[in-house]
Amino acid sequence: MQVIPAINASDFNAAKNSIDKAKEFGSEWIHLDVGDGIFSSIETWGNSEEFQKLQLSSASWRIKTEVHLMIIDPFNYAERWLAAGVKRLIVHLETIGSLDVDTLLNVCGKYGADLMLSVNPVASVEKLNPYLNKVNFFQILSVMPGKAGQAFQDSTLKKIVYLRERRPDAKIEIDGGINLETARMVKDAGADIIVSASYIYNSKDPKEAFTNLVQV
């Protein structure tokens, strides 16, 4: 199972510090949480121009990025992030319409990036049904959008099983409340990818915490 460190930062310097640590872990990916304080409970750093400059100024970047747009107007920012070099765009179904999915797929295709559709813990997983044959990446958020360190919601497990039964070949990502115990639970349920922020970065040894998750 793939582990992706999540960057949930208040400013650019904090984000850069967390990204540098993720490189030290040897992670192939990073996950950027972009919250607007409206759709998500908190506002986080999310400047695509600063991110692009950071990539261009780093001779040893060599890390893929997915950006999680926890915002009410993802269309105003989606292409900016894709142009900045992110490889996967995560957008919530709660913030877009059915026709918008086709538009986003086309825009992602233009930049050679993947589209991942996400649903909040309170949303029914059946809302993803119309897109099961259109999209190959799905995220089940196991906490409400916003602050890191929230408790994992067990209802996530049934949603993973539901998706896995209907799309055996899809990639399913779980974000929120991930630790060693919940990582094992979501893996057993059928998840492919886990995203972790506080468990990794708040540990005494973040690299060891990352490695422990990878070995689950």
Protein backbone atom coordinates (compact mmCIF):
# COMPACT_ATOMS: atom_id res chain seq x y z
CA MET A 1 0.00 0.00 0.00
CA GLN A 2 1.27 3.44 -0.91
CA VAL A 3 1.78 6.06 1.80
CA ILE A 4 1.68 9.77 0.96
CA PRO A 5 2.71 12.42 3.52
CA ALA A 6 0.16 15.23 3.71
CA ILE A 7 1.19 18.88 3.81
CA ASN A 8 -1.36 20.84 5.83
CA ALA A 9 0.48 24.11 6.42
CA SER A 10 -0.39 27.64 7.50
CA ASP A 11 2.23 29.32 5.32
CA PHE A 12 4.82 28.72 2.61
CA ASN A 13 7.78 28.18 4.94
CA ALA A 14 5.93 25.54 6.93
CA ALA A 15 4.90 23.82 3.70
CA LYS A 16 8.44 23.88 2.35
CA ASN A 17 9.78 22.39 5.58
CA SER A 18 7.28 19.52 5.44
CA ILE A 19 8.02 18.89 1.76
CA ASP A 20 11.75 18.76 2.49
CA LYS A 21 11.12 16.17 5.20
CA ALA A 22 8.99 14.08 2.82
CA LYS A 23 11.93 14.01 0.41
CA GLU A 24 14.12 12.72 3.23
CA PHE A 25 11.63 9.89 3.84
CA GLY A 26 12.11 8.81 0.26
CA SER A 27 8.42 9.32 -0.50
CA GLU A 28 7.50 9.23 -4.19
CA TRP A 29 4.54 11.56 -3.63
CA ILE A 30 3.38 14.44 -1.46
CA HIS A 31 -0.20 15.47 -0.79
CA LEU A 32 -0.98 19.20 -0.54
CA ASP A 33 -4.11 20.14 1.40
CA VAL A 34 -5.57 23.41 0.14
CA GLY A 35 -8.36 24.61 2.42
CA ASP A 36 -10.34 27.83 2.03
CA GLY A 37 -11.81 28.07 5.54
CA ILE A 38 -15.30 27.80 3.99
CA PHE A 39 -15.69 24.32 2.53
CA SER A 40 -12.96 23.21 4.92
CA SER A 41 -12.94 24.20 8.57
CA ILE A 42 -9.57 25.95 8.30
CA GLU A 43 -7.64 27.92 5.69
CA THR A 44 -4.26 26.51 4.71
CA TRP A 45 -1.39 27.58 2.49
CA GLY A 46 -2.20 26.99 -1.15
CA ASN A 47 -0.30 29.26 -3.51
CA SER A 48 0.30 27.51 -6.83
CA GLU A 49 2.77 30.16 -8.00
CA GLU A 50 4.95 29.73 -4.92
CA PHE A 51 4.74 25.98 -5.34
CA GLN A 52 5.86 26.17 -8.96
CA LYS A 53 8.79 28.43 -8.06
CA LEU A 54 9.79 25.97 -5.32
CA GLN A 55 9.90 23.13 -7.84
CA LEU A 56 11.86 25.13 -10.38
CA SER A 57 14.40 26.26 -7.79
CA SER A 58 15.00 22.73 -6.49
CA ALA A 59 17.55 20.71 -8.44
CA SER A 60 16.55 17.59 -6.49
CA TRP A 61 12.76 17.89 -6.65
CA ARG A 62 11.98 14.40 -8.08
CA ILE A 63 8.73 14.01 -6.18
CA LYS A 64 5.19 13.81 -7.53
CA THR A 65 2.45 15.97 -6.08
CA GLU A 66 -1.28 15.58 -5.65
CA VAL A 67 -3.26 18.63 -4.58
CA HIS A 68 -6.43 18.27 -2.53
CA LEU A 69 -8.73 21.20 -3.29
CA MET A 70 -10.93 21.48 -0.21
CA ILE A 71 -12.48 24.66 -1.56
CA ILE A 72 -15.89 25.78 -2.81
CA ASP A 73 -14.64 26.96 -6.22
CA PRO A 74 -12.15 24.35 -7.51
CA PHE A 75 -12.58 25.46 -11.13
CA ASN A 76 -10.95 28.80 -10.38
CA TYR A 77 -7.81 27.04 -9.18
CA ALA A 78 -7.64 23.62 -10.87
CA GLU A 79 -5.74 24.64 -14.00
CA ARG A 80 -3.37 26.86 -12.03
CA TRP A 81 -2.22 23.87 -10.02
CA LEU A 82 -1.99 21.63 -13.07
CA ALA A 83 0.10 24.26 -14.84
CA ALA A 84 2.29 24.41 -11.72
CA GLY A 85 3.14 20.74 -12.21
CA VAL A 86 0.90 18.67 -9.95
CA LYS A 87 0.28 15.14 -11.20
CA ARG A 88 -3.06 14.46 -9.52
CA LEU A 89 -5.98 16.77 -8.84
CA ILE A 90 -8.35 15.84 -5.99
CA VAL A 91 -11.76 17.51 -6.16
CA HIS A 92 -14.83 17.00 -3.97
CA LEU A 93 -18.08 15.93 -5.59
CA GLU A 94 -19.82 18.27 -3.16
CA THR A 95 -18.27 21.25 -4.97
CA ILE A 96 -18.88 20.29 -8.60
CA GLY A 97 -21.68 19.14 -10.90
CA SER A 98 -21.89 16.07 -13.12
CA LEU A 99 -20.90 17.92 -16.30
CA ASP A 100 -17.95 19.43 -14.48
CA VAL A 101 -16.35 15.98 -14.11
CA ASP A 102 -15.97 15.70 -17.89
CA THR A 103 -14.48 19.19 -18.03
CA LEU A 104 -12.00 18.39 -15.28
CA LEU A 105 -11.03 15.11 -16.95
CA ASN A 106 -10.28 17.01 -20.14
CA VAL A 107 -8.22 19.64 -18.34
CA CYS A 108 -6.27 16.99 -16.42
CA GLY A 109 -5.65 15.12 -19.67
CA LYS A 110 -4.25 18.29 -21.20
CA TYR A 111 -1.55 18.34 -18.52
CA GLY A 112 -1.02 14.58 -18.31
CA ALA A 113 -2.45 14.47 -14.78
CA ASP A 114 -5.03 12.26 -13.07
CA LEU A 115 -8.35 13.31 -11.60
CA MET A 116 -9.37 11.89 -8.23
CA LEU A 117 -12.94 12.35 -6.99
CA SER A 118 -13.48 12.73 -3.25
CA VAL A 119 -16.46 12.48 -0.90
CA ASN A 120 -16.78 13.71 2.68
CA PRO A 121 -17.48 11.27 5.56
CA VAL A 122 -21.10 12.43 5.77
CA ALA A 123 -21.72 11.83 2.06
CA SER A 124 -23.10 8.59 0.69
CA VAL A 125 -20.53 6.59 -1.26
CA GLU A 126 -23.27 5.88 -3.81
CA LYS A 127 -22.78 9.46 -5.04
CA LEU A 128 -19.70 8.15 -6.84
CA ASN A 129 -21.70 5.59 -8.85
CA PRO A 130 -22.20 7.77 -11.97
CA TYR A 131 -18.44 8.16 -12.29
CA LEU A 132 -17.24 4.61 -11.66
CA ASN A 133 -16.62 4.04 -15.36
CA LYS A 134 -15.21 7.52 -16.01
CA VAL A 135 -12.67 8.03 -13.26
CA ASN A 136 -9.92 5.69 -12.07
CA PHE A 137 -9.02 7.39 -8.78
CA PHE A 138 -11.31 7.88 -5.79
CA GLN A 139 -10.71 9.36 -2.36
CA ILE A 140 -12.79 8.61 0.70
CA LEU A 141 -12.22 11.30 3.29
CA SER A 142 -12.39 9.64 6.70
CA VAL A 143 -12.55 12.96 8.59
CA MET A 144 -14.25 16.25 7.78
CA PRO A 145 -12.19 18.63 5.60
CA GLY A 146 -9.94 20.82 7.68
CA LYS A 147 -7.74 20.37 10.71
CA ALA A 148 -5.25 17.50 10.85
CA GLY A 149 -5.40 15.05 13.75
CA GLN A 150 -9.12 14.24 13.67
CA ALA A 151 -10.32 10.76 14.64
CA PHE A 152 -10.88 8.18 11.92
CA GLN A 153 -14.55 7.43 11.16
CA ASP A 154 -15.24 3.68 10.97
CA SER A 155 -17.99 4.14 8.37
CA THR A 156 -15.13 4.62 5.91
CA LEU A 157 -14.45 0.89 5.86
CA LYS A 158 -17.83 -0.05 4.39
CA LYS A 159 -17.36 2.62 1.73
CA ILE A 160 -14.01 1.14 0.72
CA VAL A 161 -15.56 -2.33 0.39
CA TYR A 162 -18.45 -0.89 -1.65
CA LEU A 163 -16.10 0.82 -4.12
CA ARG A 164 -13.71 -2.10 -4.36
CA GLU A 165 -16.53 -4.49 -5.25
CA ARG A 166 -17.71 -2.22 -8.05
CA ARG A 167 -14.34 -1.10 -9.37
CA PRO A 168 -11.74 -3.80 -8.65
CA ASP A 169 -9.14 -1.98 -10.73
CA ALA A 170 -9.66 1.55 -9.36
CA LYS A 171 -7.20 3.27 -7.03
CA ILE A 172 -8.80 4.07 -3.67
CA GLU A 173 -7.19 6.61 -1.37
CA ILE A 174 -8.07 7.17 2.29
CA ASP A 175 -7.29 10.49 3.93
CA GLY A 176 -7.74 11.32 7.61
CA GLY A 177 -7.13 9.72 11.00
CA ILE A 178 -4.46 7.38 9.68
CA ASN A 179 -2.19 5.58 12.15
CA LEU A 180 -0.82 2.04 12.25
CA GLU A 181 -4.12 0.57 13.41
CA THR A 182 -6.37 2.37 10.94
CA ALA A 183 -3.84 1.82 8.13
CA ARG A 184 -4.22 -1.94 8.62
CA MET A 185 -7.99 -1.62 8.68
CA VAL A 186 -8.25 0.31 5.41
CA LYS A 187 -5.72 -1.98 3.73
CA ASP A 188 -7.77 -5.03 4.69
CA ALA A 189 -10.89 -3.30 3.37
CA GLY A 190 -9.26 -2.78 -0.02
CA ALA A 191 -7.60 0.64 -0.06
CA ASP A 192 -4.52 1.23 -2.22
CA ILE A 193 -3.27 4.59 -0.90
CA ILE A 194 -3.23 6.21 2.54
CA VAL A 195 -2.55 9.86 3.29
CA SER A 196 -1.13 10.85 6.65
CA ALA A 197 -0.22 14.20 8.19
CA SER A 198 -0.22 14.31 11.99
CA TYR A 199 0.80 10.67 12.56
CA ILE A 200 3.95 11.25 10.51
CA TYR A 201 4.88 14.85 11.22
CA ASN A 202 3.95 14.91 14.91
CA SER A 203 5.99 11.79 15.66
CA LYS A 204 9.31 11.98 17.47
CA ASP A 205 10.86 10.38 14.40
CA PRO A 206 8.79 11.30 11.30
CA LYS A 207 10.90 9.16 8.98
CA GLU A 208 10.38 6.11 11.17
CA ALA A 209 6.63 6.81 11.36
CA PHE A 210 6.48 7.00 7.57
CA THR A 211 8.44 3.75 7.22
CA ASN A 212 6.18 1.99 9.71
CA LEU A 213 3.12 2.92 7.68
CA VAL A 214 4.75 1.71 4.46
CA GLN A 215 5.38 -1.66 6.12
CA VAL A 216 1.76 -2.18 7.20
